[in-house]
Amino acid sequence: MANASTTLQVRLPLKLRDEAAVTLEEMGLDLPTAIRLYLTKVVKTRRIPFELEAHPAVETVEAVETIEVDEALQGRMDRIGNAWKKAAKKR
């Protein structure tokens, strides 16, 4: 079963696909190989191999401001944060 494979279909703009194909060809890669490399990196590092950032919408910030955090909830959030930090150090 280790050699079993599957097909992945992804919809993306034609221009993006074509530009990516040209760029990857300049690197000596084709799209399927680049996608396999990307997914292999995700699995090995257990993270997206680039930084993601979202800018909160005004509604999101307002919603967060209305959440009441008591000591018990803060303690749970702190434990989760510490667990993530420990997991990151192990990588």
Protein backbone atom coordinates (compact mmCIF):
# COMPACT_ATOMS: atom_id res chain seq x y z
CA MET A 1 0.00 0.00 0.00
CA ALA A 2 2.97 2.36 0.44
CA ASN A 3 3.07 2.94 -3.31
CA ALA A 4 -0.67 3.58 -3.67
CA SER A 5 -1.51 6.96 -5.11
CA THR A 6 -4.51 9.15 -5.70
CA THR A 7 -5.50 12.06 -7.88
CA LEU A 8 -5.99 15.55 -6.49
CA GLN A 9 -8.09 18.03 -8.43
CA VAL A 10 -7.78 21.71 -7.60
CA ARG A 11 -9.64 24.57 -9.23
CA LEU A 12 -7.57 27.68 -9.76
CA PRO A 13 -7.45 30.56 -12.17
CA LEU A 14 -5.91 29.65 -15.51
CA LYS A 15 -3.52 32.60 -15.33
CA LEU A 16 -2.24 31.49 -11.91
CA ARG A 17 -1.71 27.93 -13.13
CA ASP A 18 0.14 29.09 -16.24
CA GLU A 19 2.33 31.59 -14.35
CA ALA A 20 3.13 28.99 -11.69
CA ALA A 21 4.00 26.42 -14.37
CA VAL A 22 6.41 28.84 -16.06
CA THR A 23 8.03 29.83 -12.76
CA LEU A 24 8.36 26.23 -11.62
CA GLU A 25 9.78 25.19 -14.99
CA GLU A 26 12.52 27.79 -14.47
CA MET A 27 13.31 25.94 -11.23
CA GLY A 28 13.32 22.58 -12.98
CA LEU A 29 9.98 21.49 -11.52
CA ASP A 30 6.52 20.76 -12.83
CA LEU A 31 3.27 21.50 -10.98
CA PRO A 32 2.63 17.96 -9.66
CA THR A 33 6.18 17.73 -8.28
CA ALA A 34 5.89 21.16 -6.63
CA ILE A 35 2.60 20.20 -5.01
CA ARG A 36 4.10 16.92 -3.75
CA LEU A 37 7.04 18.88 -2.30
CA TYR A 38 4.67 21.31 -0.60
CA LEU A 39 2.52 18.58 0.93
CA THR A 40 5.59 16.61 2.04
CA LYS A 41 6.88 19.72 3.83
CA VAL A 42 3.50 20.24 5.51
CA VAL A 43 3.50 16.65 6.77
CA LYS A 44 7.14 16.70 7.97
CA THR A 45 6.97 20.07 9.71
CA ARG A 46 3.28 19.94 10.66
CA ARG A 47 2.89 23.54 9.54
CA ILE A 48 2.30 25.64 6.45
CA PRO A 49 5.79 26.44 5.05
CA PHE A 50 5.15 30.18 4.98
CA GLU A 51 3.65 32.76 7.29
CA LEU A 52 -0.09 33.34 7.21
CA GLU A 53 -1.64 36.50 8.56
CA ALA A 54 -5.19 37.75 8.71
CA HIS A 55 -6.27 41.26 9.46
CA PRO A 56 -9.36 41.16 11.66
CA ALA A 57 -12.48 42.82 10.40
CA VAL A 58 -14.04 45.48 12.60
CA GLU A 59 -16.88 43.09 13.44
CA THR A 60 -14.39 40.45 14.57
CA VAL A 61 -12.58 42.83 16.88
CA GLU A 62 -15.88 44.02 18.34
CA ALA A 63 -17.01 40.43 18.87
CA VAL A 64 -13.79 39.57 20.70
CA GLU A 65 -14.19 42.57 22.95
CA THR A 66 -17.57 41.24 24.14
CA ILE A 67 -16.25 37.81 25.20
CA GLU A 68 -16.00 37.60 28.96
CA VAL A 69 -12.93 35.74 30.19
CA ASP A 70 -12.97 34.50 33.75
CA GLU A 71 -10.02 32.93 35.57
CA ALA A 72 -11.01 29.38 34.60
CA LEU A 73 -11.24 30.23 30.89
CA GLN A 74 -7.98 32.20 31.03
CA GLY A 75 -6.30 29.21 32.69
CA ARG A 76 -7.50 26.88 29.93
CA MET A 77 -6.31 29.28 27.24
CA ASP A 78 -2.91 29.58 28.95
CA ARG A 79 -2.55 25.78 29.12
CA ILE A 80 -3.40 25.47 25.43
CA GLY A 81 -0.89 28.20 24.56
CA ASN A 82 1.82 26.47 26.61
CA ALA A 83 1.07 23.13 24.97
CA TRP A 84 1.52 24.73 21.52
CA LYS A 85 4.81 26.31 22.61
CA LYS A 86 6.11 22.94 23.89
CA ALA A 87 5.07 21.21 20.66
CA ALA A 88 6.83 23.89 18.59
CA LYS A 89 10.07 23.45 20.58
CA LYS A 90 10.05 19.69 19.85
CA ARG A 91 10.14 20.30 16.08
